[in-house]
Protein backbone atom coordinates (compact mmCIF):
# COMPACT_ATOMS: atom_id res chain seq x y z
CA MET A 1 -27.09 28.13 -16.22
CA PHE A 2 -24.99 28.57 -14.06
CA CYS A 3 -21.51 26.24 -13.55
CA ASN A 4 -18.30 25.81 -11.47
CA LEU A 5 -15.51 24.83 -13.45
CA GLN A 6 -11.90 23.28 -12.30
CA SER A 7 -8.65 23.57 -13.70
CA GLY A 8 -5.82 21.73 -13.35
CA PHE A 9 -2.15 22.00 -14.38
CA SER A 10 1.66 20.68 -13.79
CA LEU A 11 4.33 21.20 -13.46
CA LYS A 12 7.42 19.40 -14.31
CA LYS A 13 11.37 19.60 -13.73
CA ASP A 14 14.17 16.81 -14.01
CA ALA A 15 15.47 15.07 -10.71
CA GLU A 16 18.41 16.61 -11.06
CA SER A 17 17.38 20.51 -10.50
CA GLU A 18 16.04 22.77 -8.44
CA PHE A 19 13.36 25.21 -8.54
CA GLU A 20 13.36 28.61 -6.10
CA ILE A 21 9.79 29.92 -5.19
CA PRO A 22 9.73 32.57 -7.38
CA GLU A 23 10.94 30.71 -10.38
CA ILE A 24 8.14 27.98 -9.83
CA MET A 25 5.14 31.24 -9.24
CA ALA A 26 7.01 32.37 -12.30
CA ALA A 27 5.93 28.80 -13.48
CA PHE A 28 2.40 28.55 -12.53
CA ARG A 29 1.73 32.11 -14.14
CA LYS A 30 1.96 31.74 -17.57
CA THR A 31 0.40 27.98 -17.02
CA LYS A 32 -2.43 29.10 -15.61
CA GLU A 33 -2.17 32.33 -18.52
CA GLY A 34 -3.14 29.05 -20.82
CA VAL A 35 -5.12 27.03 -18.88
CA ASN A 36 -7.15 30.76 -18.70
CA GLU A 37 -6.52 31.12 -22.73
CA MET A 38 -7.85 27.10 -23.52
CA ILE A 39 -10.93 28.53 -21.13
CA LYS A 40 -11.87 31.94 -23.15
CA GLU A 41 -11.09 30.23 -26.29
CA SER A 42 -13.43 27.26 -25.28
CA VAL A 43 -16.64 29.55 -24.08
CA GLN A 44 -16.20 31.79 -27.01
CA SER A 45 -16.40 28.68 -29.67
CA ASN A 46 -19.30 27.20 -27.97
CA THR A 47 -17.38 24.06 -27.43
CA THR A 48 -17.72 22.03 -23.81
CA GLY A 49 -13.65 22.19 -23.06
CA GLN A 50 -13.03 19.30 -24.97
CA GLY A 51 -9.58 20.14 -25.64
CA LEU A 52 -8.96 21.23 -21.40
CA LEU A 53 -10.03 17.80 -20.42
CA SER A 54 -8.41 15.53 -22.57
CA LEU A 55 -4.77 17.46 -21.93
CA MET A 56 -6.32 16.68 -18.21
CA ALA A 57 -6.35 13.36 -19.23
CA GLU A 58 -2.54 12.90 -20.75
CA THR A 59 -1.35 15.22 -17.56
CA VAL A 60 -3.02 12.44 -15.00
CA SER A 61 -2.44 9.23 -17.12
CA GLU A 62 1.27 10.45 -17.35
CA SER A 63 1.97 11.58 -13.75
CA ALA A 64 0.86 8.03 -12.27
CA ASP A 65 4.80 8.05 -10.58
CA ILE A 66 5.54 10.97 -9.91
CA ASP A 67 4.50 13.62 -6.39
CA ARG A 68 1.83 16.00 -6.78
CA TYR A 69 1.80 19.11 -5.00
CA ILE A 70 -2.33 20.38 -4.62
CA MET A 71 -2.94 23.52 -3.61
CA THR A 72 -6.11 25.53 -3.26
CA SER A 73 -7.59 28.72 -2.11
CA TRP A 74 -10.80 29.36 -1.41
CA CYS A 75 -10.22 32.53 0.46
CA ARG A 76 -13.00 35.82 0.66
CA LYS A 77 -14.85 33.18 -0.82
CA PRO A 78 -18.31 33.98 1.59
CA PHE A 79 -19.06 30.74 3.42
CA TYR A 80 -19.91 31.83 6.45
CA GLU A 81 -21.85 34.42 5.14
CA VAL A 82 -24.60 31.77 3.34
CA ASP A 83 -27.49 31.31 5.48
CA PHE A 84 -30.12 27.89 4.50
CA GLY A 85 -32.81 29.22 7.35
CA SER A 86 -31.05 28.02 10.40
CA GLY A 87 -28.11 30.39 10.79
CA SER A 88 -24.19 30.59 9.52
CA PRO A 89 -21.66 27.99 9.68
CA VAL A 90 -20.27 27.44 12.91
CA TRP A 91 -17.17 26.68 10.64
CA VAL A 92 -16.83 25.25 7.21
CA GLY A 93 -14.37 22.42 6.42
CA TYR A 94 -13.09 20.00 3.74
CA ALA A 95 -14.81 16.99 4.47
CA SER A 96 -12.58 14.48 3.88
CA HIS A 97 -10.02 14.37 0.45
CA THR A 98 -8.44 10.86 -0.81
CA ASN A 99 -5.05 10.36 0.65
CA TYR A 100 -1.93 9.20 -1.96
CA ASP A 101 1.16 8.23 -0.76
CA ASN A 102 2.95 10.89 -3.87
CA MET A 103 0.00 13.64 -2.73
CA VAL A 104 1.00 16.77 -0.56
CA TRP A 105 -2.95 18.82 -0.71
CA VAL A 106 -3.30 21.84 1.11
CA MET A 107 -6.16 24.32 1.30
CA LEU A 108 -6.50 27.82 2.46
CA ILE A 109 -10.05 29.20 3.90
CA ASP A 110 -10.55 31.96 5.66
CA SER A 111 -11.34 31.46 9.14
CA LYS A 112 -14.59 32.58 10.38
CA GLU A 113 -13.89 36.15 12.68
CA GLY A 114 -12.00 36.91 8.66
CA ASP A 115 -8.79 37.42 11.06
CA GLY A 116 -6.27 34.96 9.85
CA VAL A 117 -6.66 31.97 7.59
CA GLU A 118 -7.43 27.97 8.27
CA ALA A 119 -4.43 25.98 6.55
CA TRP A 120 -5.94 21.68 5.99
CA ILE A 121 -3.15 20.26 5.23
CA ASN A 122 -2.46 16.26 3.50
CA LEU A 123 0.61 15.11 4.07
CA PRO A 124 1.93 11.32 3.73
CA GLU A 125 1.98 10.39 7.00
CA GLU A 126 6.11 10.33 7.56
CA ASP A 127 5.85 13.86 6.68
CA MET A 128 3.09 14.96 8.37
CA SER A 129 4.75 13.41 11.85
CA VAL A 130 8.51 15.71 11.44
CA PHE A 131 5.42 18.59 10.12
CA VAL A 132 3.55 18.59 13.74
CA ASP A 133 6.91 19.37 15.21
CA ASP A 134 8.07 22.38 12.87
CA GLN A 135 8.98 24.70 15.86
CA GLU A 136 9.38 27.49 13.10
CA LEU A 137 5.25 26.58 11.84
CA LEU A 138 4.58 26.77 15.04
CA ALA A 139 5.80 30.42 15.57
CA TYR A 140 3.15 31.30 13.40
CA ALA A 141 0.34 28.55 13.68
CA VAL A 142 -1.75 26.72 15.87
CA LEU A 143 -2.66 23.45 15.01
CA ASN A 144 -6.13 22.49 15.23
CA PRO A 145 -8.03 25.29 16.75
CA PRO A 146 -10.87 24.94 18.75
CA VAL A 147 -13.99 25.46 16.32
CA LEU A 148 -16.43 26.79 19.11
CA THR A 149 -14.93 29.10 21.65
């Protein structure tokens, strides 16, 4: 049997406190290690991961009114090597994602040439208009590069 498991975790902070990037990354690593341990225990005990699913459901129900920042990476996955008989893909992307007002969603994926990374970013509309005009960002990025060249 073969399957995928997707899991998520959250960080909570007080409204008055501010996280610095190193603190955020350390907290994510610690939380991820805990989630990985739950998965390992689930596999070893031959359960279906009910504890992990319950924890995820509890987290979602607690946080309906808070801002969410979701990030995933599809980097180093061999999507461009797949051939279902008609050749390899010209371009790989994510077709759609639900847009929530309180959610920032980022997906990273290698470019077809392998010399860069595409970042698919979903922001609330008012934030997106500021984001696409950020000159510091534009010094390093190309917005909506052509698929076929």
